[in-house]
Amino acid sequence: MAKSQIKIDYKNVMSDVIGGRHGISPSQFRMLDEKMKPLISQINKQRKAGKTPFRDLPYNQRISRRVNALVKILREECDDLVVLGIGGSALGNIALDTALRPYLPDPDDKRSRKPNLYVLDNVDPAQLGSFLQYMTRKRLKRTVFNVISKSGRTSETAAQFMIARDMLIRTLGKGRYQKQVVATTDAKAGTLRTIADTDGLQTLEVPDGVGGRFSVLSAVGLFSAAMCGIKINRLLAGARDMDDRVKTTRFSKNPAAMIAAINYHYYKNGKPLSVMMPYSYALKDMADWYRQLWAESLGKKLDLEDREVWTGPTPVKALGATDQHSQVQLYREGPNDKLFTFLQVNTFDKDPVIGPAPDCAPELAFLAGKRMSRLLNDEKKATEYALVESQRPNVTVLFDRVNAYTVGQFIYLYEVTTSLTGAVLGINPYDQPAVELGKEATFALMGKKGYDDFARDIRSKTEMNKNYLV
């Protein structure tokens, strides 16, 4: 199979396209080149020192062999796969499924979307209650639950798992329950590891040193993908292809360095919002995955010297052509404080032809006989043109087609881009200290032992005051 590489078109950030006030001049690009070169070397050295283990996931055949072996055992007896997880333990799974499986099943192929995938990434009681009602005894016998948590102490996932575990044991018996649960967790320690070892659950590992938002190319994302028929070996091959490209210190040949530099330039020059706008339904949830990756990695109070910097671009999701009719008015005539990233697909696996115009509506004849892909991509070009006319900088990530190989490239590209953007901002992109307070507060409010004083403090500040209710 010939290689299909995604490309980056950045001409619409150049000063000769959108003007000197909002565009990047050739001399500014040369400065960005000089700034990025040592940072590329820096993250390459960090990788060799074992400090960024997510970089080596595409080469870890042990993970893919273990995933494929488990899938071989479970898939034929599975009609419904349920992922219990949140954040990095869910968004990548959803993104892979949306990108690489049909929108709806083929009515002539009963296995075209089997198993059904349900990712329960929230604790909304109405959503969960509806799902539990759907899980009849008959369905439950052919359902696999994949609970994903490195520690097992994430409140949302723990609560979901406790409900699912109780339902399985009560309905099918404890001797059967273990066969229908896969725990993806720490290899040696933690609450979920203890439960898995005690109950005899089938397990996969969350790799050491890999944060959730960087984990989609590990068993965290690969198991549900492989269960749903996605070619994970092609996914990893695409990531390896991109790895070759993002290692080079040649700035003009390194797409991760280019994207990081452009984002850094605009963040430092009054454009703190980063809008990702796929013109492809298949890629819409990749924008959700990107939002977590960008927000949790780059939003930091402290720099590497422990100085307060309160830094981080804000990621925004849009979908073309849908959001041409909901957001582009703001994007063109609102504040010029955004950098736009389009995702464009050249070739679609299915591409219907528009039918003839009704005799009573000859004004629609211009559409007749044309492919839907042309309409969608011309809509993208129209939006691109409109933004350029308003001097709004934008880049395009170009997919020849959406498949496991190109999606693997995209995921790895943006993971390394995040590392480089963190490096150029002078912050640690791999921790998330601000997330912990909310987790601890949830423990307190839910009555965890040892949190009584904390719970009282929280309630004193969050109780509603009738004087402020309208």
Protein backbone atom coordinates (compact mmCIF):
# COMPACT_ATOMS: atom_id res chain seq x y z
CA MET A 1 0.00 0.00 0.00
CA ALA A 2 1.41 3.38 -1.02
CA LYS A 3 2.07 5.87 1.73
CA SER A 4 -0.49 8.61 2.17
CA GLN A 5 0.96 11.50 4.17
CA ILE A 6 -1.00 14.34 5.67
CA LYS A 7 0.32 17.78 4.71
CA ILE A 8 0.27 21.24 6.26
CA ASP A 9 -0.68 24.29 4.15
CA TYR A 10 0.34 27.45 6.02
CA LYS A 11 0.28 30.07 3.26
CA ASN A 12 -2.69 31.86 4.86
CA VAL A 13 -0.60 33.00 7.81
CA MET A 14 1.92 34.78 5.57
CA SER A 15 2.06 38.56 5.53
CA ASP A 16 1.86 38.68 1.73
CA VAL A 17 -1.52 36.90 1.94
CA ILE A 18 -3.28 38.51 4.94
CA GLY A 19 -1.20 41.66 5.38
CA GLY A 20 1.61 42.75 7.65
CA ARG A 21 -0.54 43.52 10.68
CA HIS A 22 -1.83 39.96 11.11
CA GLY A 23 0.48 37.91 8.90
CA ILE A 24 3.92 36.46 9.63
CA SER A 25 6.70 38.11 7.67
CA PRO A 26 9.65 36.19 6.16
CA SER A 27 11.96 37.70 8.77
CA GLN A 28 9.63 36.59 11.57
CA PHE A 29 9.60 33.08 10.12
CA ARG A 30 13.39 33.06 10.17
CA MET A 31 13.30 34.01 13.86
CA LEU A 32 10.79 31.25 14.55
CA ASP A 33 13.09 28.83 12.72
CA GLU A 34 16.01 29.79 14.98
CA LYS A 35 13.81 29.54 18.07
CA MET A 36 12.43 26.11 17.26
CA LYS A 37 15.60 24.27 16.18
CA PRO A 38 17.12 23.87 19.67
CA LEU A 39 13.70 22.92 21.05
CA ILE A 40 13.33 20.10 18.53
CA SER A 41 16.73 18.81 19.67
CA GLN A 42 15.65 19.25 23.29
CA ILE A 43 12.54 17.09 23.00
CA ASN A 44 14.46 14.50 20.97
CA LYS A 45 16.97 14.26 23.85
CA GLN A 46 14.13 13.99 26.37
CA ARG A 47 12.75 11.11 24.37
CA LYS A 48 16.12 9.29 24.32
CA ALA A 49 16.35 9.78 28.08
CA GLY A 50 12.99 8.05 28.52
CA LYS A 51 11.18 11.18 29.70
CA THR A 52 8.44 11.11 27.03
CA PRO A 53 7.40 7.45 26.75
CA PHE A 54 4.35 8.29 24.63
CA ARG A 55 6.80 8.87 21.75
CA ASP A 56 7.70 5.17 21.71
CA LEU A 57 4.17 3.72 21.83
CA PRO A 58 3.97 3.22 18.03
CA TYR A 59 6.95 0.85 18.27
CA ASN A 60 5.71 -1.20 21.23
CA GLN A 61 4.65 -4.50 19.64
CA ARG A 62 4.05 -6.08 23.04
CA ILE A 63 1.04 -3.81 23.56
CA SER A 64 -0.51 -4.48 20.16
CA ARG A 65 0.09 -8.24 20.47
CA ARG A 66 -1.63 -8.34 23.88
CA VAL A 67 -4.54 -6.24 22.57
CA ASN A 68 -4.99 -8.40 19.46
CA ALA A 69 -4.83 -11.61 21.50
CA LEU A 70 -7.57 -10.41 23.86
CA VAL A 71 -9.70 -9.16 20.96
CA LYS A 72 -9.45 -12.58 19.30
CA ILE A 73 -10.97 -14.14 22.42
CA LEU A 74 -13.74 -11.60 22.99
CA ARG A 75 -14.90 -10.08 19.70
CA GLU A 76 -17.02 -12.88 18.22
CA GLU A 77 -19.15 -13.12 21.36
CA CYS A 78 -19.56 -9.34 21.74
CA ASP A 79 -22.45 -7.31 20.38
CA ASP A 80 -21.92 -4.27 22.63
CA LEU A 81 -18.64 -2.85 23.90
CA VAL A 82 -18.92 -0.37 26.75
CA VAL A 83 -15.98 1.84 27.67
CA LEU A 84 -16.06 3.28 31.19
CA GLY A 85 -13.64 6.18 31.36
CA ILE A 86 -13.34 9.94 31.27
CA GLY A 87 -11.04 12.51 29.66
CA GLY A 88 -8.01 10.82 28.15
CA SER A 89 -9.58 7.43 28.85
CA ALA A 90 -12.52 8.22 26.58
CA LEU A 91 -11.97 11.03 24.07
CA GLY A 92 -9.42 9.15 21.99
CA ASN A 93 -11.65 6.06 21.88
CA ILE A 94 -14.56 8.15 20.62
CA ALA A 95 -12.39 9.96 18.07
CA LEU A 96 -11.01 6.73 16.61
CA ASP A 97 -14.46 5.19 16.34
CA THR A 98 -16.00 8.23 14.64
CA ALA A 99 -13.08 8.55 12.23
CA LEU A 100 -12.61 4.95 11.22
CA ARG A 101 -16.02 3.26 11.27
CA PRO A 102 -19.10 3.94 9.12
CA TYR A 103 -21.60 6.48 10.41
CA LEU A 104 -24.34 3.83 10.20
CA PRO A 105 -24.19 0.05 9.69
CA ASP A 106 -24.45 -1.46 6.23
CA PRO A 107 -27.90 -3.18 6.18
CA ASP A 108 -26.45 -5.94 3.99
CA ASP A 109 -23.56 -6.63 6.39
CA LYS A 110 -24.60 -7.51 9.91
CA ARG A 111 -21.02 -7.13 11.17
CA SER A 112 -20.37 -3.71 9.59
CA ARG A 113 -20.58 -1.87 12.92
CA LYS A 114 -20.34 -4.75 15.35
CA PRO A 115 -19.87 -4.46 18.18
CA ASN A 116 -21.77 -1.30 18.97
CA LEU A 117 -19.52 1.03 20.97
CA TYR A 118 -20.80 3.03 23.92
CA VAL A 119 -18.34 5.31 25.69
CA LEU A 120 -19.81 6.41 29.02
CA ASP A 121 -17.60 9.40 29.75
CA ASN A 122 -19.88 11.24 32.15
CA VAL A 123 -22.00 10.59 35.23
CA ASP A 124 -25.23 12.13 34.00
CA PRO A 125 -27.92 10.06 35.76
CA ALA A 126 -30.46 10.28 32.93
CA GLN A 127 -27.94 9.09 30.33
CA LEU A 128 -26.68 6.28 32.53
CA GLY A 129 -30.20 5.29 33.56
CA SER A 130 -31.27 5.03 29.93
CA PHE A 131 -28.25 2.86 29.17
CA LEU A 132 -28.95 0.54 32.11
CA GLN A 133 -32.53 0.13 30.95
CA TYR A 134 -31.23 -0.83 27.50
CA MET A 135 -28.97 -3.51 29.01
CA THR A 136 -31.42 -6.41 29.19
CA ARG A 137 -30.24 -9.77 30.48
CA LYS A 138 -30.00 -11.02 26.89
CA ARG A 139 -27.84 -8.08 25.80
CA LEU A 140 -25.72 -8.25 28.91
CA LYS A 141 -24.61 -11.77 28.04
CA ARG A 142 -22.98 -10.42 24.86
CA THR A 143 -21.58 -7.18 26.31
CA VAL A 144 -17.96 -6.46 27.21
CA PHE A 145 -17.12 -3.66 29.65
CA ASN A 146 -13.71 -2.00 29.35
CA VAL A 147 -13.04 0.04 32.52
CA ILE A 148 -10.08 2.39 32.06
CA SER A 149 -8.35 4.08 34.97
CA LYS A 150 -4.69 4.04 35.94
CA SER A 151 -5.41 4.44 39.64
CA GLY A 152 -8.99 3.24 39.85
CA ARG A 153 -9.81 6.17 42.14
CA THR A 154 -11.28 8.53 39.55
CA SER A 155 -14.73 9.10 41.05
CA GLU A 156 -16.67 9.12 37.79
CA THR A 157 -15.17 5.91 36.40
CA ALA A 158 -15.21 4.16 39.78
CA ALA A 159 -18.92 4.93 40.20
CA GLN A 160 -19.74 3.64 36.71
CA PHE A 161 -17.74 0.47 37.28
CA MET A 162 -19.36 -0.20 40.64
CA ILE A 163 -22.79 0.00 39.00
CA ALA A 164 -21.74 -2.21 36.07
CA ARG A 165 -20.03 -4.74 38.32
CA ASP A 166 -23.07 -5.03 40.58
CA MET A 167 -25.38 -5.40 37.58
CA LEU A 168 -23.22 -8.11 36.01
CA ILE A 169 -22.88 -10.10 39.24
CA ARG A 170 -26.59 -9.88 40.08
CA THR A 171 -27.68 -10.77 36.55
CA LEU A 172 -25.10 -13.31 35.43
CA GLY A 173 -23.36 -14.45 38.61
CA LYS A 174 -19.85 -13.78 39.88
CA GLY A 175 -18.42 -16.72 37.96
CA ARG A 176 -19.43 -15.15 34.62
CA TYR A 177 -18.84 -11.50 35.45
CA GLN A 178 -15.05 -11.66 35.12
CA LYS A 179 -15.26 -12.92 31.55
CA GLN A 180 -17.04 -9.78 30.41
CA VAL A 181 -14.82 -7.12 31.96
CA VAL A 182 -11.43 -5.87 30.79
CA ALA A 183 -9.62 -3.55 33.21
CA THR A 184 -7.08 -1.21 31.64
CA THR A 185 -5.02 0.02 34.56
CA ASP A 186 -1.61 0.26 36.20
CA ALA A 187 0.51 -2.88 35.85
CA LYS A 188 1.30 -3.22 39.56
CA ALA A 189 -0.54 -0.87 41.89
CA GLY A 190 -3.74 1.08 42.50
CA THR A 191 -7.35 0.43 43.41
CA LEU A 192 -8.41 -0.96 40.04
CA ARG A 193 -5.37 -3.25 39.92
CA THR A 194 -6.35 -4.59 43.36
CA ILE A 195 -9.92 -5.22 42.20
CA ALA A 196 -8.72 -6.85 38.98
CA ASP A 197 -6.35 -9.18 40.81
CA THR A 198 -8.89 -10.03 43.51
CA ASP A 199 -11.76 -10.69 41.08
CA GLY A 200 -9.61 -12.31 38.39
CA LEU A 201 -10.41 -9.77 35.66
CA GLN A 202 -8.78 -9.71 32.26
CA THR A 203 -6.36 -6.78 32.17
CA LEU A 204 -4.45 -4.44 29.90
CA GLU A 205 -1.84 -1.94 31.04
CA VAL A 206 -1.75 1.83 31.14
CA PRO A 207 1.93 2.49 30.36
CA ASP A 208 4.07 4.15 33.02
CA GLY A 209 4.74 7.83 32.42
CA VAL A 210 2.04 8.25 29.76
CA GLY A 211 -0.65 10.74 30.74
CA GLY A 212 -4.22 10.01 29.72
CA ARG A 213 -4.34 12.61 26.97
CA PHE A 214 -1.24 11.05 25.36
CA SER A 215 -2.44 7.45 25.75
CA VAL A 216 -4.67 6.81 22.73
CA LEU A 217 -1.94 4.82 20.94
CA SER A 218 -1.60 2.51 23.95
CA ALA A 219 -4.02 -0.19 25.10
CA VAL A 220 -6.21 2.66 26.39
CA GLY A 221 -7.35 3.47 22.85
CA LEU A 222 -6.22 0.44 20.88
CA PHE A 223 -8.43 -2.16 22.60
CA SER A 224 -11.77 -0.56 21.75
CA ALA A 225 -10.49 0.25 18.26
CA ALA A 226 -9.39 -3.32 17.57
CA MET A 227 -12.63 -4.70 19.04
CA CYS A 228 -14.51 -2.52 16.56
CA GLY A 229 -12.51 -3.80 13.60
CA ILE A 230 -10.12 -0.87 13.20
CA LYS A 231 -6.70 -1.84 11.84
CA ILE A 232 -4.54 -0.81 14.77
CA ASN A 233 -1.35 -1.96 13.05
CA ARG A 234 -1.99 0.61 10.30
CA LEU A 235 -2.77 3.22 12.94
CA LEU A 236 0.61 2.61 14.58
CA ALA A 237 2.38 2.49 11.21
CA GLY A 238 1.01 5.94 10.42
CA ALA A 239 2.29 7.23 13.76
CA ARG A 240 5.75 5.81 12.99
CA ASP A 241 5.68 7.54 9.62
CA MET A 242 4.96 10.85 11.32
CA ASP A 243 7.68 10.21 13.89
CA ASP A 244 10.25 10.24 11.09
CA ARG A 245 9.00 13.67 10.01
CA VAL A 246 8.77 15.35 13.41
CA LYS A 247 12.27 14.33 14.55
CA THR A 248 14.08 16.45 11.98
CA THR A 249 15.63 19.75 13.07
CA ARG A 250 14.93 21.18 9.62
CA PHE A 251 12.16 23.57 10.58
CA SER A 252 10.68 23.82 7.08
CA LYS A 253 10.37 19.99 6.89
CA ASN A 254 9.01 19.43 10.40
CA PRO A 255 5.20 19.79 10.50
CA ALA A 256 5.01 19.66 14.31
CA ALA A 257 7.57 22.45 14.66
CA MET A 258 5.76 24.50 12.03
CA ILE A 259 2.37 24.19 13.76
CA ALA A 260 3.88 24.87 17.19
CA ALA A 261 5.77 27.94 15.95
CA ILE A 262 2.71 29.41 14.21
CA ASN A 263 0.54 28.87 17.29
CA TYR A 264 3.24 30.37 19.52
CA HIS A 265 3.62 33.44 17.29
CA TYR A 266 -0.09 34.18 17.32
CA TYR A 267 -0.51 33.44 21.01
CA LYS A 268 2.21 36.02 21.74
CA ASN A 269 0.67 38.49 19.30
CA GLY A 270 -2.88 38.87 20.55
CA LYS A 271 -4.53 35.70 19.25
CA PRO A 272 -4.99 33.36 22.24
CA LEU A 273 -7.83 31.31 20.70
CA SER A 274 -7.05 28.24 18.59
CA VAL A 275 -10.01 27.05 16.51
CA MET A 276 -9.92 23.58 14.94
CA MET A 277 -12.54 23.18 12.21
CA PRO A 278 -12.72 19.82 10.43
CA TYR A 279 -14.56 19.71 7.10
CA SER A 280 -15.28 16.04 7.67
CA TYR A 281 -17.80 14.42 10.00
CA ALA A 282 -15.33 11.57 10.50
CA LEU A 283 -12.81 13.99 12.03
CA LYS A 284 -15.20 15.97 14.23
CA ASP A 285 -14.27 14.10 17.42
CA MET A 286 -10.56 14.47 16.67
CA ALA A 287 -11.21 18.13 17.43
CA ASP A 288 -12.62 17.11 20.83
CA TRP A 289 -9.54 14.98 21.49
CA TYR A 290 -7.34 17.94 20.47
CA ARG A 291 -9.17 20.26 22.87
CA GLN A 292 -8.21 18.16 25.89
CA LEU A 293 -4.66 17.63 24.64
CA TRP A 294 -4.15 21.36 24.10
CA ALA A 295 -6.03 22.68 27.15
CA GLU A 296 -4.70 20.30 29.79
CA SER A 297 -1.15 20.35 28.46
CA LEU A 298 -0.64 24.05 27.82
CA GLY A 299 -2.81 25.88 30.35
CA LYS A 300 -0.35 26.43 33.20
CA LYS A 301 0.09 28.87 36.07
CA LEU A 302 3.83 28.27 36.50
CA ASP A 303 6.69 28.04 34.05
CA LEU A 304 9.65 25.68 34.38
CA GLU A 305 11.32 28.14 36.78
CA ASP A 306 8.22 28.19 39.03
CA ARG A 307 7.38 31.74 38.01
CA GLU A 308 3.72 32.69 37.60
CA VAL A 309 2.92 33.02 33.90
CA TRP A 310 -0.77 32.01 33.62
CA THR A 311 -0.22 30.87 30.06
CA GLY A 312 -2.03 28.77 27.47
CA PRO A 313 -3.96 29.14 24.21
CA THR A 314 -7.66 28.29 24.42
CA PRO A 315 -8.78 25.52 22.04
CA VAL A 316 -12.16 25.86 20.33
CA LYS A 317 -14.03 23.25 18.29
CA ALA A 318 -16.06 23.94 15.16
CA LEU A 319 -17.38 21.72 12.35
CA GLY A 320 -17.60 22.61 8.70
CA ALA A 321 -19.93 23.21 7.04
CA THR A 322 -22.30 23.18 10.03
CA ASP A 323 -20.63 26.03 11.90
CA GLN A 324 -20.44 28.32 8.90
CA HIS A 325 -24.04 28.96 9.90
CA SER A 326 -23.38 29.41 13.62
CA GLN A 327 -19.87 30.77 14.23
CA VAL A 328 -18.36 32.34 11.11
CA GLN A 329 -20.16 35.64 11.65
CA LEU A 330 -18.17 36.01 14.88
CA TYR A 331 -15.00 34.69 13.27
CA ARG A 332 -15.07 37.32 10.52
CA GLU A 333 -16.48 40.38 12.28
CA GLY A 334 -15.71 39.68 15.91
CA PRO A 335 -12.30 40.21 17.55
CA ASN A 336 -9.34 39.16 15.40
CA ASP A 337 -7.99 37.03 18.25
CA LYS A 338 -8.04 33.55 16.71
CA LEU A 339 -5.87 31.21 14.69
CA PHE A 340 -7.91 28.76 12.60
CA THR A 341 -6.91 25.20 11.70
CA PHE A 342 -8.98 23.54 9.00
CA LEU A 343 -8.95 19.77 8.52
CA GLN A 344 -9.63 18.96 4.86
CA VAL A 345 -10.12 15.58 3.17
CA ASN A 346 -9.47 15.15 -0.55
CA THR A 347 -11.06 11.75 -1.14
CA PHE A 348 -14.05 10.31 0.73
CA ASP A 349 -14.82 6.59 0.84
CA LYS A 350 -18.45 7.31 -0.03
CA ASP A 351 -19.34 10.25 -2.24
CA PRO A 352 -23.00 10.60 -3.35
CA VAL A 353 -23.96 12.53 -6.48
CA ILE A 354 -26.47 15.37 -6.14
CA GLY A 355 -29.69 14.67 -8.02
CA PRO A 356 -31.32 16.82 -10.72
CA ALA A 357 -32.97 20.11 -9.80
CA PRO A 358 -36.79 20.10 -9.67
CA ASP A 359 -38.34 21.67 -12.78
CA CYS A 360 -39.89 24.34 -10.57
CA ALA A 361 -36.49 25.32 -9.13
CA PRO A 362 -34.08 25.77 -12.06
CA GLU A 363 -31.97 28.06 -9.87
CA LEU A 364 -30.66 24.91 -8.13
CA ALA A 365 -29.31 23.42 -11.37
CA PHE A 366 -25.77 24.54 -10.51
CA LEU A 367 -25.67 21.81 -7.85
CA ALA A 368 -27.03 18.96 -9.97
CA GLY A 369 -24.69 16.15 -10.94
CA LYS A 370 -21.88 17.24 -8.66
CA ARG A 371 -20.35 15.12 -5.90
CA MET A 372 -21.03 15.96 -2.27
CA SER A 373 -17.27 16.03 -1.66
CA ARG A 374 -16.99 18.93 -4.07
CA LEU A 375 -19.70 20.84 -2.25
CA LEU A 376 -18.12 20.25 1.16
CA ASN A 377 -14.61 21.17 0.06
CA ASP A 378 -15.84 24.20 -1.88
CA GLU A 379 -17.61 25.25 1.32
CA LYS A 380 -14.24 24.98 3.08
CA LYS A 381 -12.55 27.06 0.38
CA ALA A 382 -15.32 29.64 0.64
CA THR A 383 -14.83 29.95 4.40
CA GLU A 384 -11.06 30.05 3.95
CA TYR A 385 -11.42 32.84 1.40
CA ALA A 386 -13.80 34.78 3.65
CA LEU A 387 -11.35 34.56 6.57
CA VAL A 388 -8.44 35.67 4.38
CA GLU A 389 -10.49 38.64 3.18
CA SER A 390 -10.96 39.57 6.84
CA GLN A 391 -7.22 39.08 7.54
CA ARG A 392 -7.86 36.09 9.80
CA PRO A 393 -4.87 33.69 9.86
CA ASN A 394 -5.56 30.05 9.09
CA VAL A 395 -3.74 26.83 8.25
CA THR A 396 -5.01 23.60 6.71
CA VAL A 397 -4.14 20.04 7.66
CA LEU A 398 -4.74 18.11 4.45
CA PHE A 399 -5.72 14.42 4.43
CA ASP A 400 -5.62 12.57 1.13
CA ARG A 401 -8.26 10.34 2.73
CA VAL A 402 -9.28 9.38 6.25
CA ASN A 403 -7.99 5.93 7.16
CA ALA A 404 -6.13 4.29 10.03
CA TYR A 405 -2.76 5.27 8.56
CA THR A 406 -3.50 9.00 8.22
CA VAL A 407 -5.34 9.16 11.55
CA GLY A 408 -2.28 7.62 13.22
CA GLN A 409 -0.19 10.37 11.63
CA PHE A 410 -2.54 13.09 12.84
CA ILE A 411 -2.61 11.84 16.43
CA TYR A 412 1.17 11.57 16.65
CA LEU A 413 1.64 14.93 14.91
CA TYR A 414 -0.45 16.79 17.46
CA GLU A 415 1.05 14.97 20.43
CA VAL A 416 4.54 16.06 19.38
CA THR A 417 3.25 19.52 18.46
CA THR A 418 1.99 19.79 22.03
CA SER A 419 5.44 18.88 23.38
CA LEU A 420 7.07 21.55 21.20
CA THR A 421 4.47 24.18 22.07
CA GLY A 422 5.04 23.47 25.76
CA ALA A 423 8.78 23.82 25.21
CA VAL A 424 8.51 27.14 23.40
CA LEU A 425 6.14 28.46 26.10
CA GLY A 426 8.58 27.32 28.79
CA ILE A 427 6.07 25.18 30.68
CA ASN A 428 5.63 21.50 31.54
CA PRO A 429 3.04 20.07 29.11
CA TYR A 430 2.84 16.68 30.86
CA ASP A 431 1.33 17.53 34.25
CA GLN A 432 -2.13 18.85 35.19
CA PRO A 433 -1.95 20.23 38.74
CA ALA A 434 -5.09 22.35 38.43
CA VAL A 435 -7.23 19.27 37.79
CA GLU A 436 -6.44 17.74 41.17
CA LEU A 437 -8.31 20.28 43.32
CA GLY A 438 -11.61 19.43 41.65
CA LYS A 439 -10.98 15.72 42.19
CA GLU A 440 -10.20 16.27 45.86
CA ALA A 441 -13.27 18.46 46.27
CA THR A 442 -15.45 15.70 44.81
CA PHE A 443 -13.99 13.24 47.32
CA ALA A 444 -14.90 15.63 50.12
CA LEU A 445 -18.44 16.34 48.96
CA MET A 446 -19.15 12.64 48.43
CA GLY A 447 -18.15 11.86 52.02
CA LYS A 448 -14.72 10.29 51.72
CA LYS A 449 -13.11 9.73 55.10
CA GLY A 450 -10.66 12.40 56.25
CA TYR A 451 -12.21 15.18 54.16
CA ASP A 452 -14.78 16.56 56.63
CA ASP A 453 -13.20 19.99 57.16
CA PHE A 454 -12.61 20.40 53.44
CA ALA A 455 -16.25 19.51 52.71
CA ARG A 456 -17.50 22.14 55.17
CA ASP A 457 -15.30 24.79 53.53
CA ILE A 458 -16.57 23.86 50.06
CA ARG A 459 -20.20 23.96 51.12
CA SER A 460 -19.77 27.34 52.79
CA LYS A 461 -18.61 28.75 49.44
CA THR A 462 -20.98 26.93 47.10
CA GLU A 463 -24.32 27.02 48.89
CA MET A 464 -26.85 29.08 46.99
CA ASN A 465 -27.98 32.33 48.58
CA LYS A 466 -31.62 33.21 48.04
CA ASN A 467 -30.64 36.88 47.88
CA TYR A 468 -28.92 36.16 44.57
CA LEU A 469 -31.59 33.98 42.98
CA VAL A 470 -33.72 35.74 40.36
